[in-house]
Amino acid sequence: MRKLVIALATLVLSGAVLAQAPYPNRQIRGVIPWPPGQATDLVGRVISQKLTDVLGQPVVPDNKAGAGGMMGTDFAAKAPADGYTILFASSGPVTINPIVQKTPYDPERELVPVAKIGLSAYVLVTSPTFPATNVRELVALVKANPGKYSFSSSGTGATAHLVSEWFNMRAGLTATHVPYKGSAPALTDVASGQIAYTLETVAGTMPLVRGGRLRAYGTSIARPSALTPGIEPLATSLNLPGFDVGAWIGVMVAAGTPKAAVDRLSAAMATVMQAAEVRERLAGVGLEVDYAPADEFARYLKEQHARFADIVKRANIKVD
C-alpha cells in the first residue's frame, strides 16, 4: 500500500512538473502581432530561430497582424497559459494603446513579462534646410515662435506622437501636431520642409540622415549609441534629466502561465541575448539591445505606463 501511495505521488508530481514548463519536441508558437517586414516581425524571427536552438524545441513565428498590433496581442493574452504561446510584445499595443483607446485585453491583468529584448531610440530630425544648425538653436527658434511651427507623427496616439509631445513639454515648445498614417509619409513631409520637425525611430530616420535628406539633432535615449554615431542624447545636449525613452520590444506570455515555464523561457532569453549574431541582426533593424529579465521588465512596464499616462493626460490626447 505504501509503495502504491509513493508511486501515485510520484506520478502526480511528474505531471505537475510537465505542466509547469515547456518540454522537448512540442512546438512553441511565437505570436508576432504585426505584418511581415515590420520591426517587431524581424526581431521575432531572429529571436525565434535562436530560441529554437537554446530550448531544443521548435519556436515557430506566427504573424497575427491587425488593429495596430492589438489583434495578435489579444490572441496571445487569451491563449492557454501553458508556456507554449509567447508574444513578441511592443510598446504600442501593450503600453500606449490601452491608455489612449479601448482595447480587447488588459495587459496588466492578462499578460506576464518574460524578458525585455531592446529599445528603438527616436531621433529628432528636420529638413537639411531648416534654419537651425544645432538642437539649442532649434529649441530657441520654435520657443520664440509659439504655434508657428509644426511637428509630424505616424498617427495620433502613436508612440512617436507621445515621445514628441513629451519632448515639447520638457523643452518648453508650443507647436502644431500633424498626424499621418504611418511614419514614412510623416518623414517625407519633414524632409521636404512642409513640416518643421519630428521624432521617429532609428530605423526610419537614419537611412534618410545618412542620405542627406534629413538633419539629426539628438536621440531620445539618455546614452550614446553606436546606431546613431555622432548624435548626442537630448537629455545631455539640452540638459533634460530623465528624458530617456524608446519603443521597446520584449517577450510576454498569458497571465497564469506557471512560474517554472516563465523562468525557463526567461533563462533561455538571457542566453539568446548574449549571442553576438543576435545583437548584430537586431542592430541591423535599428534596435538597441537592452535585455532585462522578467522582474526588471515588469518594473520597467509599470514606469512606462505611468509616464505615458501622464503625457496623454497633460497633452489631452484622444483617439476616436
C-alpha atoms as a PDB file:
ATOM      1  CA  MET A   1       0.000   0.000   0.000  1.00  0.00           C
ATOM      2  CA  ARG A   2       2.795   2.374   0.940  1.00  0.00           C
ATOM      3  CA  LYS A   3       4.542   1.686  -2.384  1.00  0.00           C
ATOM      4  CA  LEU A   4       1.305   2.401  -4.241  1.00  0.00           C
ATOM      5  CA  VAL A   5       0.925   5.758  -2.465  1.00  0.00           C
ATOM      6  CA  ILE A   6       4.525   6.689  -3.275  1.00  0.00           C
ATOM      7  CA  ALA A   7       4.043   5.687  -6.916  1.00  0.00           C
ATOM      8  CA  LEU A   8       0.872   7.754  -7.208  1.00  0.00           C
ATOM      9  CA  ALA A   9       2.563  10.749  -5.571  1.00  0.00           C
ATOM     10  CA  THR A  10       5.476  10.455  -7.973  1.00  0.00           C
ATOM     11  CA  LEU A  11       3.110  10.316 -10.933  1.00  0.00           C
ATOM     12  CA  VAL A  12       1.211  13.406  -9.778  1.00  0.00           C
ATOM     13  CA  LEU A  13       4.465  15.295  -9.145  1.00  0.00           C
ATOM     14  CA  SER A  14       5.826  14.373 -12.568  1.00  0.00           C
ATOM     15  CA  GLY A  15       2.627  15.562 -14.215  1.00  0.00           C
ATOM     16  CA  ALA A  16       2.816  18.848 -12.316  1.00  0.00           C
ATOM     17  CA  VAL A  17       6.390  19.432 -13.459  1.00  0.00           C
ATOM     18  CA  LEU A  18       5.455  18.778 -17.073  1.00  0.00           C
ATOM     19  CA  ALA A  19       2.553  21.186 -16.757  1.00  0.00           C
ATOM     20  CA  GLN A  20       4.821  23.894 -15.377  1.00  0.00           C
ATOM     21  CA  ALA A  21       7.419  24.033 -18.133  1.00  0.00           C
ATOM     22  CA  PRO A  22       7.725  23.506 -21.883  1.00  0.00           C
ATOM     23  CA  TYR A  23       9.281  20.168 -22.721  1.00  0.00           C
ATOM     24  CA  PRO A  24      11.166  18.982 -25.827  1.00  0.00           C
ATOM     25  CA  ASN A  25       9.516  18.170 -29.139  1.00  0.00           C
ATOM     26  CA  ARG A  26       6.424  20.287 -28.594  1.00  0.00           C
ATOM     27  CA  GLN A  27       6.165  23.369 -30.756  1.00  0.00           C
ATOM     28  CA  ILE A  28       6.068  26.841 -29.222  1.00  0.00           C
ATOM     29  CA  ARG A  29       4.090  29.469 -31.110  1.00  0.00           C
ATOM     30  CA  GLY A  30       5.775  32.879 -31.281  1.00  0.00           C
ATOM     31  CA  VAL A  31       2.942  35.338 -31.946  1.00  0.00           C
ATOM     32  CA  ILE A  32       4.025  38.441 -33.877  1.00  0.00           C
ATOM     33  CA  PRO A  33       1.161  40.966 -33.874  1.00  0.00           C
ATOM     34  CA  TRP A  34       2.465  42.798 -36.945  1.00  0.00           C
ATOM     35  CA  PRO A  35       2.812  42.000 -40.663  1.00  0.00           C
ATOM     36  CA  PRO A  36       5.992  40.564 -42.202  1.00  0.00           C
ATOM     37  CA  GLY A  37       8.772  43.125 -42.630  1.00  0.00           C
ATOM     38  CA  GLN A  38       7.818  45.306 -39.680  1.00  0.00           C
ATOM     39  CA  ALA A  39      10.476  45.773 -36.965  1.00  0.00           C
ATOM     40  CA  THR A  40       8.804  43.515 -34.395  1.00  0.00           C
ATOM     41  CA  ASP A  41       8.405  40.841 -37.060  1.00  0.00           C
ATOM     42  CA  LEU A  42      12.103  40.924 -37.948  1.00  0.00           C
ATOM     43  CA  VAL A  43      13.082  40.811 -34.280  1.00  0.00           C
ATOM     44  CA  GLY A  44      10.619  37.998 -33.575  1.00  0.00           C
ATOM     45  CA  ARG A  45      12.054  35.865 -36.349  1.00  0.00           C
ATOM     46  CA  VAL A  46      15.633  36.367 -35.185  1.00  0.00           C
ATOM     47  CA  ILE A  47      14.723  35.506 -31.585  1.00  0.00           C
ATOM     48  CA  SER A  48      12.558  32.530 -32.600  1.00  0.00           C
ATOM     49  CA  GLN A  49      15.412  30.990 -34.548  1.00  0.00           C
ATOM     50  CA  LYS A  50      17.850  31.321 -31.648  1.00  0.00           C
ATOM     51  CA  LEU A  51      15.297  30.222 -29.031  1.00  0.00           C
ATOM     52  CA  THR A  52      14.781  27.047 -31.048  1.00  0.00           C
ATOM     53  CA  ASP A  53      18.472  26.257 -30.652  1.00  0.00           C
ATOM     54  CA  VAL A  54      18.587  27.135 -26.941  1.00  0.00           C
ATOM     55  CA  LEU A  55      15.383  25.330 -25.904  1.00  0.00           C
ATOM     56  CA  GLY A  56      15.882  22.338 -28.165  1.00  0.00           C
ATOM     57  CA  GLN A  57      12.325  22.594 -29.455  1.00  0.00           C
ATOM     58  CA  PRO A  58      10.800  24.491 -32.361  1.00  0.00           C
ATOM     59  CA  VAL A  59       9.710  28.088 -31.827  1.00  0.00           C
ATOM     60  CA  VAL A  60       7.608  28.990 -34.855  1.00  0.00           C
ATOM     61  CA  PRO A  61       6.831  32.637 -35.748  1.00  0.00           C
ATOM     62  CA  ASP A  62       3.132  33.273 -36.324  1.00  0.00           C
ATOM     63  CA  ASN A  63       2.069  36.650 -37.721  1.00  0.00           C
ATOM     64  CA  LYS A  64      -1.325  37.770 -36.457  1.00  0.00           C
ATOM     65  CA  ALA A  65      -1.454  41.361 -37.666  1.00  0.00           C
ATOM     66  CA  GLY A  66      -4.293  43.833 -37.387  1.00  0.00           C
ATOM     67  CA  ALA A  67      -5.653  46.783 -35.431  1.00  0.00           C
ATOM     68  CA  GLY A  68      -2.254  48.313 -34.771  1.00  0.00           C
ATOM     69  CA  GLY A  69      -0.879  45.183 -33.126  1.00  0.00           C
ATOM     70  CA  MET A  70      -3.919  44.671 -30.918  1.00  0.00           C
ATOM     71  CA  MET A  71      -5.304  41.597 -32.697  1.00  0.00           C
ATOM     72  CA  GLY A  72      -2.233  39.452 -32.143  1.00  0.00           C
ATOM     73  CA  THR A  73      -1.692  40.837 -28.655  1.00  0.00           C
ATOM     74  CA  ASP A  74      -5.243  39.881 -27.714  1.00  0.00           C
ATOM     75  CA  PHE A  75      -4.770  36.411 -29.208  1.00  0.00           C
ATOM     76  CA  ALA A  76      -1.657  35.796 -27.094  1.00  0.00           C
ATOM     77  CA  ALA A  77      -3.255  37.241 -23.962  1.00  0.00           C
ATOM     78  CA  LYS A  78      -6.126  34.772 -24.257  1.00  0.00           C
ATOM     79  CA  ALA A  79      -4.057  31.770 -25.318  1.00  0.00           C
ATOM     80  CA  PRO A  80      -3.770  28.772 -22.963  1.00  0.00           C
ATOM     81  CA  ALA A  81      -1.459  29.745 -20.104  1.00  0.00           C
ATOM     82  CA  ASP A  82       0.889  26.795 -20.555  1.00  0.00           C
ATOM     83  CA  GLY A  83       4.096  28.363 -21.902  1.00  0.00           C
ATOM     84  CA  TYR A  84       3.562  27.144 -25.470  1.00  0.00           C
ATOM     85  CA  THR A  85       2.421  30.521 -26.806  1.00  0.00           C
ATOM     86  CA  ILE A  86       4.745  33.504 -26.451  1.00  0.00           C
ATOM     87  CA  LEU A  87       4.098  37.064 -27.581  1.00  0.00           C
ATOM     88  CA  PHE A  88       6.661  39.302 -29.228  1.00  0.00           C
ATOM     89  CA  ALA A  89       5.248  42.336 -27.499  1.00  0.00           C
ATOM     90  CA  SER A  90       5.919  46.001 -28.217  1.00  0.00           C
ATOM     91  CA  SER A  91       5.241  49.389 -26.698  1.00  0.00           C
ATOM     92  CA  GLY A  92       2.366  50.383 -28.986  1.00  0.00           C
ATOM     93  CA  PRO A  93      -0.211  47.669 -28.284  1.00  0.00           C
ATOM     94  CA  VAL A  94       0.939  46.915 -24.720  1.00  0.00           C
ATOM     95  CA  THR A  95       1.846  50.307 -23.224  1.00  0.00           C
ATOM     96  CA  ILE A  96       0.295  53.018 -25.389  1.00  0.00           C
ATOM     97  CA  ASN A  97      -2.958  51.706 -26.869  1.00  0.00           C
ATOM     98  CA  PRO A  98      -4.601  50.757 -23.552  1.00  0.00           C
ATOM     99  CA  ILE A  99      -4.023  54.341 -22.379  1.00  0.00           C
ATOM    100  CA  VAL A 100      -5.429  56.164 -25.401  1.00  0.00           C
ATOM    101  CA  GLN A 101      -8.232  53.826 -26.500  1.00  0.00           C
ATOM    102  CA  LYS A 102     -10.350  50.842 -25.560  1.00  0.00           C
ATOM    103  CA  THR A 103      -8.549  47.541 -26.109  1.00  0.00           C
ATOM    104  CA  PRO A 104      -9.978  43.991 -26.016  1.00  0.00           C
ATOM    105  CA  TYR A 105      -7.344  42.997 -23.453  1.00  0.00           C
ATOM    106  CA  ASP A 106      -5.857  44.344 -20.240  1.00  0.00           C
ATOM    107  CA  PRO A 107      -2.073  43.920 -20.468  1.00  0.00           C
ATOM    108  CA  GLU A 108      -1.530  44.374 -16.730  1.00  0.00           C
ATOM    109  CA  ARG A 109      -4.057  41.662 -15.926  1.00  0.00           C
ATOM    110  CA  GLU A 110      -3.746  39.290 -18.889  1.00  0.00           C
ATOM    111  CA  LEU A 111      -0.042  39.316 -19.774  1.00  0.00           C
ATOM    112  CA  VAL A 112       3.113  38.421 -17.835  1.00  0.00           C
ATOM    113  CA  PRO A 113       6.604  39.729 -18.714  1.00  0.00           C
ATOM    114  CA  VAL A 114       9.297  37.210 -19.666  1.00  0.00           C
ATOM    115  CA  ALA A 115      12.173  39.372 -20.923  1.00  0.00           C
ATOM    116  CA  LYS A 116      12.815  42.754 -22.478  1.00  0.00           C
ATOM    117  CA  ILE A 117      14.770  42.478 -25.724  1.00  0.00           C
ATOM    118  CA  GLY A 118      15.650  46.042 -26.633  1.00  0.00           C
ATOM    119  CA  LEU A 119      14.768  49.633 -27.437  1.00  0.00           C
ATOM    120  CA  SER A 120      14.432  51.648 -30.594  1.00  0.00           C
ATOM    121  CA  ALA A 121      15.507  55.208 -29.925  1.00  0.00           C
ATOM    122  CA  TYR A 122      13.718  58.151 -31.504  1.00  0.00           C
ATOM    123  CA  VAL A 123      15.742  60.731 -33.414  1.00  0.00           C
ATOM    124  CA  LEU A 124      14.840  64.429 -33.603  1.00  0.00           C
ATOM    125  CA  VAL A 125      15.089  65.409 -37.279  1.00  0.00           C
ATOM    126  CA  THR A 126      14.324  68.291 -39.626  1.00  0.00           C
ATOM    127  CA  SER A 127      14.887  69.124 -43.251  1.00  0.00           C
ATOM    128  CA  PRO A 128      18.533  69.985 -44.040  1.00  0.00           C
ATOM    129  CA  THR A 129      17.286  73.471 -44.950  1.00  0.00           C
ATOM    130  CA  PHE A 130      15.717  74.133 -41.549  1.00  0.00           C
ATOM    131  CA  PRO A 131      17.222  77.356 -40.121  1.00  0.00           C
ATOM    132  CA  ALA A 132      18.868  75.816 -37.066  1.00  0.00           C
ATOM    133  CA  THR A 133      22.287  74.191 -37.149  1.00  0.00           C
ATOM    134  CA  ASN A 134      22.049  72.531 -33.735  1.00  0.00           C
ATOM    135  CA  VAL A 135      19.423  71.454 -31.226  1.00  0.00           C
ATOM    136  CA  ARG A 136      19.755  74.532 -28.999  1.00  0.00           C
ATOM    137  CA  GLU A 137      19.108  76.781 -31.984  1.00  0.00           C
ATOM    138  CA  LEU A 138      16.105  74.641 -32.960  1.00  0.00           C
ATOM    139  CA  VAL A 139      14.606  74.927 -29.483  1.00  0.00           C
ATOM    140  CA  ALA A 140      15.257  78.652 -29.299  1.00  0.00           C
ATOM    141  CA  LEU A 141      13.637  79.217 -32.712  1.00  0.00           C
ATOM    142  CA  VAL A 142      10.493  77.181 -32.005  1.00  0.00           C
ATOM    143  CA  LYS A 143      10.182  78.592 -28.493  1.00  0.00           C
ATOM    144  CA  ALA A 144      10.388  82.161 -29.820  1.00  0.00           C
ATOM    145  CA  ASN A 145       7.551  81.471 -32.285  1.00  0.00           C
ATOM    146  CA  PRO A 146       4.844  79.540 -30.386  1.00  0.00           C
ATOM    147  CA  GLY A 147       2.357  77.897 -32.737  1.00  0.00           C
ATOM    148  CA  LYS A 148       4.251  78.832 -35.906  1.00  0.00           C
ATOM    149  CA  TYR A 149       5.987  75.506 -36.431  1.00  0.00           C
ATOM    150  CA  SER A 150       4.550  72.014 -36.836  1.00  0.00           C
ATOM    151  CA  PHE A 151       5.693  68.514 -35.953  1.00  0.00           C
ATOM    152  CA  SER A 152       4.550  65.259 -37.512  1.00  0.00           C
ATOM    153  CA  SER A 153       3.932  61.758 -36.209  1.00  0.00           C
ATOM    154  CA  SER A 154       2.876  58.378 -37.546  1.00  0.00           C
ATOM    155  CA  GLY A 155      -0.589  58.959 -36.075  1.00  0.00           C
ATOM    156  CA  THR A 156      -2.455  60.422 -33.133  1.00  0.00           C
ATOM    157  CA  GLY A 157      -1.688  58.385 -30.048  1.00  0.00           C
ATOM    158  CA  ALA A 158       1.238  56.551 -31.668  1.00  0.00           C
ATOM    159  CA  THR A 159       4.393  56.118 -29.627  1.00  0.00           C
ATOM    160  CA  ALA A 160       6.175  58.668 -31.831  1.00  0.00           C
ATOM    161  CA  HIS A 161       3.409  61.186 -31.127  1.00  0.00           C
ATOM    162  CA  LEU A 162       3.704  60.766 -27.367  1.00  0.00           C
ATOM    163  CA  VAL A 163       7.506  60.925 -27.445  1.00  0.00           C
ATOM    164  CA  SER A 164       7.292  64.155 -29.445  1.00  0.00           C
ATOM    165  CA  GLU A 165       4.738  65.624 -27.048  1.00  0.00           C
ATOM    166  CA  TRP A 166       6.972  64.775 -24.110  1.00  0.00           C
ATOM    167  CA  PHE A 167       9.933  66.410 -25.840  1.00  0.00           C
ATOM    168  CA  ASN A 168       7.861  69.537 -26.446  1.00  0.00           C
ATOM    169  CA  MET A 169       6.790  69.637 -22.802  1.00  0.00           C
ATOM    170  CA  ARG A 170      10.307  69.195 -21.478  1.00  0.00           C
ATOM    171  CA  ALA A 171      11.821  71.705 -23.920  1.00  0.00           C
ATOM    172  CA  GLY A 172       9.011  74.248 -23.434  1.00  0.00           C
ATOM    173  CA  LEU A 173       7.836  74.210 -27.053  1.00  0.00           C
ATOM    174  CA  THR A 174       4.413  75.013 -28.479  1.00  0.00           C
ATOM    175  CA  ALA A 175       3.940  73.531 -31.955  1.00  0.00           C
ATOM    176  CA  THR A 176       1.124  72.117 -34.073  1.00  0.00           C
ATOM    177  CA  HIS A 177       0.778  68.349 -34.328  1.00  0.00           C
ATOM    178  CA  VAL A 178       0.160  66.953 -37.820  1.00  0.00           C
ATOM    179  CA  PRO A 179      -0.668  63.208 -37.711  1.00  0.00           C
ATOM    180  CA  TYR A 180      -0.044  60.902 -40.680  1.00  0.00           C
ATOM    181  CA  LYS A 181      -0.956  57.320 -41.474  1.00  0.00           C
ATOM    182  CA  GLY A 182       2.484  55.878 -40.871  1.00  0.00           C
ATOM    183  CA  SER A 183       6.000  57.105 -40.306  1.00  0.00           C
ATOM    184  CA  ALA A 184       7.061  57.111 -43.985  1.00  0.00           C
ATOM    185  CA  PRO A 185       4.743  59.960 -45.100  1.00  0.00           C
ATOM    186  CA  ALA A 186       5.428  61.810 -41.843  1.00  0.00           C
ATOM    187  CA  LEU A 187       9.159  61.748 -42.569  1.00  0.00           C
ATOM    188  CA  THR A 188       8.673  62.578 -46.248  1.00  0.00           C
ATOM    189  CA  ASP A 189       6.980  65.871 -45.419  1.00  0.00           C
ATOM    190  CA  VAL A 190       9.650  66.725 -42.862  1.00  0.00           C
ATOM    191  CA  ALA A 191      12.349  66.059 -45.465  1.00  0.00           C
ATOM    192  CA  SER A 192      10.569  68.333 -47.958  1.00  0.00           C
ATOM    193  CA  GLY A 193      10.235  71.127 -45.410  1.00  0.00           C
ATOM    194  CA  GLN A 194       6.430  71.074 -45.230  1.00  0.00           C
ATOM    195  CA  ILE A 195       6.682  70.015 -41.575  1.00  0.00           C
ATOM    196  CA  ALA A 196       9.303  71.533 -39.274  1.00  0.00           C
ATOM    197  CA  TYR A 197      10.400  68.510 -37.243  1.00  0.00           C
ATOM    198  CA  THR A 198       9.575  65.110 -35.831  1.00  0.00           C
ATOM    199  CA  LEU A 199      10.951  62.375 -33.608  1.00  0.00           C
ATOM    200  CA  GLU A 200      10.937  58.983 -35.297  1.00  0.00           C
ATOM    201  CA  THR A 201      12.701  55.660 -34.866  1.00  0.00           C
ATOM    202  CA  VAL A 202      16.320  54.962 -35.736  1.00  0.00           C
ATOM    203  CA  ALA A 203      15.181  52.524 -38.433  1.00  0.00           C
ATOM    204  CA  GLY A 204      13.002  55.168 -40.063  1.00  0.00           C
ATOM    205  CA  THR A 205      15.293  58.189 -39.767  1.00  0.00           C
ATOM    206  CA  MET A 206      18.917  57.095 -40.049  1.00  0.00           C
ATOM    207  CA  PRO A 207      18.863  55.955 -43.703  1.00  0.00           C
ATOM    208  CA  LEU A 208      17.495  59.414 -44.592  1.00  0.00           C
ATOM    209  CA  VAL A 209      20.041  61.130 -42.353  1.00  0.00           C
ATOM    210  CA  ARG A 210      22.898  59.201 -43.969  1.00  0.00           C
ATOM    211  CA  GLY A 211      21.468  60.028 -47.390  1.00  0.00           C
ATOM    212  CA  GLY A 212      21.411  63.751 -46.629  1.00  0.00           C
ATOM    213  CA  ARG A 213      17.616  64.057 -46.756  1.00  0.00           C
ATOM    214  CA  LEU A 214      17.236  64.749 -43.037  1.00  0.00           C
ATOM    215  CA  ARG A 215      19.309  66.527 -40.384  1.00  0.00           C
ATOM    216  CA  ALA A 216      19.554  64.855 -36.972  1.00  0.00           C
ATOM    217  CA  TYR A 217      19.720  66.860 -33.731  1.00  0.00           C
ATOM    218  CA  GLY A 218      19.536  64.317 -30.929  1.00  0.00           C
ATOM    219  CA  THR A 219      18.231  60.982 -29.684  1.00  0.00           C
ATOM    220  CA  SER A 220      15.556  60.116 -27.135  1.00  0.00           C
ATOM    221  CA  ILE A 221      17.545  57.605 -25.070  1.00  0.00           C
ATOM    222  CA  ALA A 222      19.899  59.025 -22.467  1.00  0.00           C
ATOM    223  CA  ARG A 223      23.073  57.227 -23.535  1.00  0.00           C
ATOM    224  CA  PRO A 224      25.127  57.493 -26.729  1.00  0.00           C
ATOM    225  CA  SER A 225      24.506  54.685 -29.200  1.00  0.00           C
ATOM    226  CA  ALA A 226      26.598  53.040 -31.882  1.00  0.00           C
ATOM    227  CA  LEU A 227      23.433  53.051 -34.010  1.00  0.00           C
ATOM    228  CA  THR A 228      23.428  56.875 -34.090  1.00  0.00           C
ATOM    229  CA  PRO A 229      27.112  57.820 -34.237  1.00  0.00           C
ATOM    230  CA  GLY A 230      27.857  61.467 -33.536  1.00  0.00           C
ATOM    231  CA  ILE A 231      24.295  62.233 -32.428  1.00  0.00           C
ATOM    232  CA  GLU A 232      24.092  63.312 -28.799  1.00  0.00           C
ATOM    233  CA  PRO A 233      21.242  62.321 -26.458  1.00  0.00           C
ATOM    234  CA  LEU A 234      18.724  65.135 -25.975  1.00  0.00           C
ATOM    235  CA  ALA A 235      18.943  64.539 -22.228  1.00  0.00           C
ATOM    236  CA  THR A 236      22.520  65.820 -22.205  1.00  0.00           C
ATOM    237  CA  SER A 237      22.567  68.317 -25.082  1.00  0.00           C
ATOM    238  CA  LEU A 238      19.534  70.180 -23.703  1.00  0.00           C
ATOM    239  CA  ASN A 239      20.043  69.324 -20.015  1.00  0.00           C
ATOM    240  CA  LEU A 240      16.778  67.380 -19.760  1.00  0.00           C
ATOM    241  CA  PRO A 241      17.421  64.988 -16.866  1.00  0.00           C
ATOM    242  CA  GLY A 242      15.279  61.860 -17.059  1.00  0.00           C
ATOM    243  CA  PHE A 243      14.444  62.296 -20.734  1.00  0.00           C
ATOM    244  CA  ASP A 244      15.074  58.669 -21.648  1.00  0.00           C
ATOM    245  CA  VAL A 245      12.500  56.866 -23.766  1.00  0.00           C
ATOM    246  CA  GLY A 246      12.285  54.450 -26.664  1.00  0.00           C
ATOM    247  CA  ALA A 247       9.963  51.977 -28.326  1.00  0.00           C
ATOM    248  CA  TRP A 248      10.543  48.684 -26.534  1.00  0.00           C
ATOM    249  CA  ILE A 249      10.208  45.105 -27.761  1.00  0.00           C
ATOM    250  CA  GLY A 250      10.033  42.122 -25.426  1.00  0.00           C
ATOM    251  CA  VAL A 251       8.599  38.676 -24.797  1.00  0.00           C
ATOM    252  CA  MET A 252       5.437  38.087 -22.759  1.00  0.00           C
ATOM    253  CA  VAL A 253       3.072  35.201 -22.067  1.00  0.00           C
ATOM    254  CA  ALA A 254      -0.515  34.841 -20.903  1.00  0.00           C
ATOM    255  CA  ALA A 255      -1.153  35.534 -17.226  1.00  0.00           C
ATOM    256  CA  GLY A 256      -1.442  32.333 -15.229  1.00  0.00           C
ATOM    257  CA  THR A 257       1.445  30.666 -17.025  1.00  0.00           C
ATOM    258  CA  PRO A 258       3.248  28.553 -14.388  1.00  0.00           C
ATOM    259  CA  LYS A 259       6.300  30.230 -12.907  1.00  0.00           C
ATOM    260  CA  ALA A 260       8.516  27.317 -13.938  1.00  0.00           C
ATOM    261  CA  ALA A 261       7.611  27.918 -17.582  1.00  0.00           C
ATOM    262  CA  VAL A 262       8.184  31.674 -17.299  1.00  0.00           C
ATOM    263  CA  ASP A 263      11.529  31.102 -15.566  1.00  0.00           C
ATOM    264  CA  ARG A 264      12.660  28.635 -18.219  1.00  0.00           C
ATOM    265  CA  LEU A 265      11.744  30.998 -21.048  1.00  0.00           C
ATOM    266  CA  SER A 266      13.399  33.925 -19.264  1.00  0.00           C
ATOM    267  CA  ALA A 267      16.599  31.924 -18.740  1.00  0.00           C
ATOM    268  CA  ALA A 268      16.581  30.907 -22.392  1.00  0.00           C
ATOM    269  CA  MET A 269      16.176  34.558 -23.416  1.00  0.00           C
ATOM    270  CA  ALA A 270      19.206  35.501 -21.292  1.00  0.00           C
ATOM    271  CA  THR A 271      21.250  33.017 -23.312  1.00  0.00           C
ATOM    272  CA  VAL A 272      19.785  34.177 -26.608  1.00  0.00           C
ATOM    273  CA  MET A 273      20.608  37.823 -25.928  1.00  0.00           C
ATOM    274  CA  GLN A 274      24.263  37.030 -25.263  1.00  0.00           C
ATOM    275  CA  ALA A 275      24.746  35.751 -28.817  1.00  0.00           C
ATOM    276  CA  ALA A 276      26.810  38.145 -30.944  1.00  0.00           C
ATOM    277  CA  GLU A 277      24.893  37.267 -34.110  1.00  0.00           C
ATOM    278  CA  VAL A 278      21.591  38.170 -32.422  1.00  0.00           C
ATOM    279  CA  ARG A 279      22.924  41.563 -31.332  1.00  0.00           C
ATOM    280  CA  GLU A 280      24.257  42.240 -34.828  1.00  0.00           C
ATOM    281  CA  ARG A 281      20.992  41.333 -36.510  1.00  0.00           C
ATOM    282  CA  LEU A 282      18.941  43.442 -34.089  1.00  0.00           C
ATOM    283  CA  ALA A 283      21.258  46.400 -34.681  1.00  0.00           C
ATOM    284  CA  GLY A 284      20.538  45.943 -38.383  1.00  0.00           C
ATOM    285  CA  VAL A 285      16.874  46.775 -37.768  1.00  0.00           C
ATOM    286  CA  GLY A 286      17.682  49.757 -35.542  1.00  0.00           C
ATOM    287  CA  LEU A 287      17.189  48.054 -32.196  1.00  0.00           C
ATOM    288  CA  GLU A 288      19.448  48.877 -29.257  1.00  0.00           C
ATOM    289  CA  VAL A 289      19.853  45.665 -27.258  1.00  0.00           C
ATOM    290  CA  ASP A 290      18.580  46.315 -23.727  1.00  0.00           C
ATOM    291  CA  TYR A 291      17.920  42.924 -22.194  1.00  0.00           C
ATOM    292  CA  ALA A 292      16.120  42.730 -18.850  1.00  0.00           C
ATOM    293  CA  PRO A 293      14.825  39.614 -17.051  1.00  0.00           C
ATOM    294  CA  ALA A 294      11.189  39.194 -16.073  1.00  0.00           C
ATOM    295  CA  ASP A 295      11.225  41.099 -12.775  1.00  0.00           C
ATOM    296  CA  GLU A 296      13.126  44.095 -14.170  1.00  0.00           C
ATOM    297  CA  PHE A 297      10.928  44.098 -17.271  1.00  0.00           C
ATOM    298  CA  ALA A 298       7.838  44.184 -15.046  1.00  0.00           C
ATOM    299  CA  ARG A 299       9.131  47.257 -13.200  1.00  0.00           C
ATOM    300  CA  TYR A 300      10.010  48.914 -16.499  1.00  0.00           C
ATOM    301  CA  LEU A 301       6.494  48.345 -17.852  1.00  0.00           C
ATOM    302  CA  LYS A 302       4.948  49.987 -14.789  1.00  0.00           C
ATOM    303  CA  GLU A 303       7.228  53.005 -15.187  1.00  0.00           C
ATOM    304  CA  GLN A 304       6.368  53.291 -18.879  1.00  0.00           C
ATOM    305  CA  HIS A 305       2.643  53.098 -18.207  1.00  0.00           C
ATOM    306  CA  ALA A 306       2.837  55.857 -15.600  1.00  0.00           C
ATOM    307  CA  ARG A 307       4.945  58.075 -17.842  1.00  0.00           C
ATOM    308  CA  PHE A 308       2.785  57.783 -20.940  1.00  0.00           C
ATOM    309  CA  ALA A 309      -0.449  58.084 -18.984  1.00  0.00           C
ATOM    310  CA  ASP A 310       0.856  61.400 -17.666  1.00  0.00           C
ATOM    311  CA  ILE A 311       1.818  62.571 -21.180  1.00  0.00           C
ATOM    312  CA  VAL A 312      -1.612  61.654 -22.548  1.00  0.00           C
ATOM    313  CA  LYS A 313      -3.345  63.496 -19.731  1.00  0.00           C
ATOM    314  CA  ARG A 314      -1.207  66.630 -19.960  1.00  0.00           C
ATOM    315  CA  ALA A 315      -1.403  66.799 -23.764  1.00  0.00           C
ATOM    316  CA  ASN A 316      -5.127  65.911 -23.753  1.00  0.00           C
ATOM    317  CA  ILE A 317      -4.590  63.234 -26.402  1.00  0.00           C
ATOM    318  CA  LYS A 318      -7.681  61.368 -27.561  1.00  0.00           C
ATOM    319  CA  VAL A 319      -8.085  58.687 -30.214  1.00  0.00           C
ATOM    320  CA  ASP A 320     -11.530  58.400 -31.775  1.00  0.00           C
END
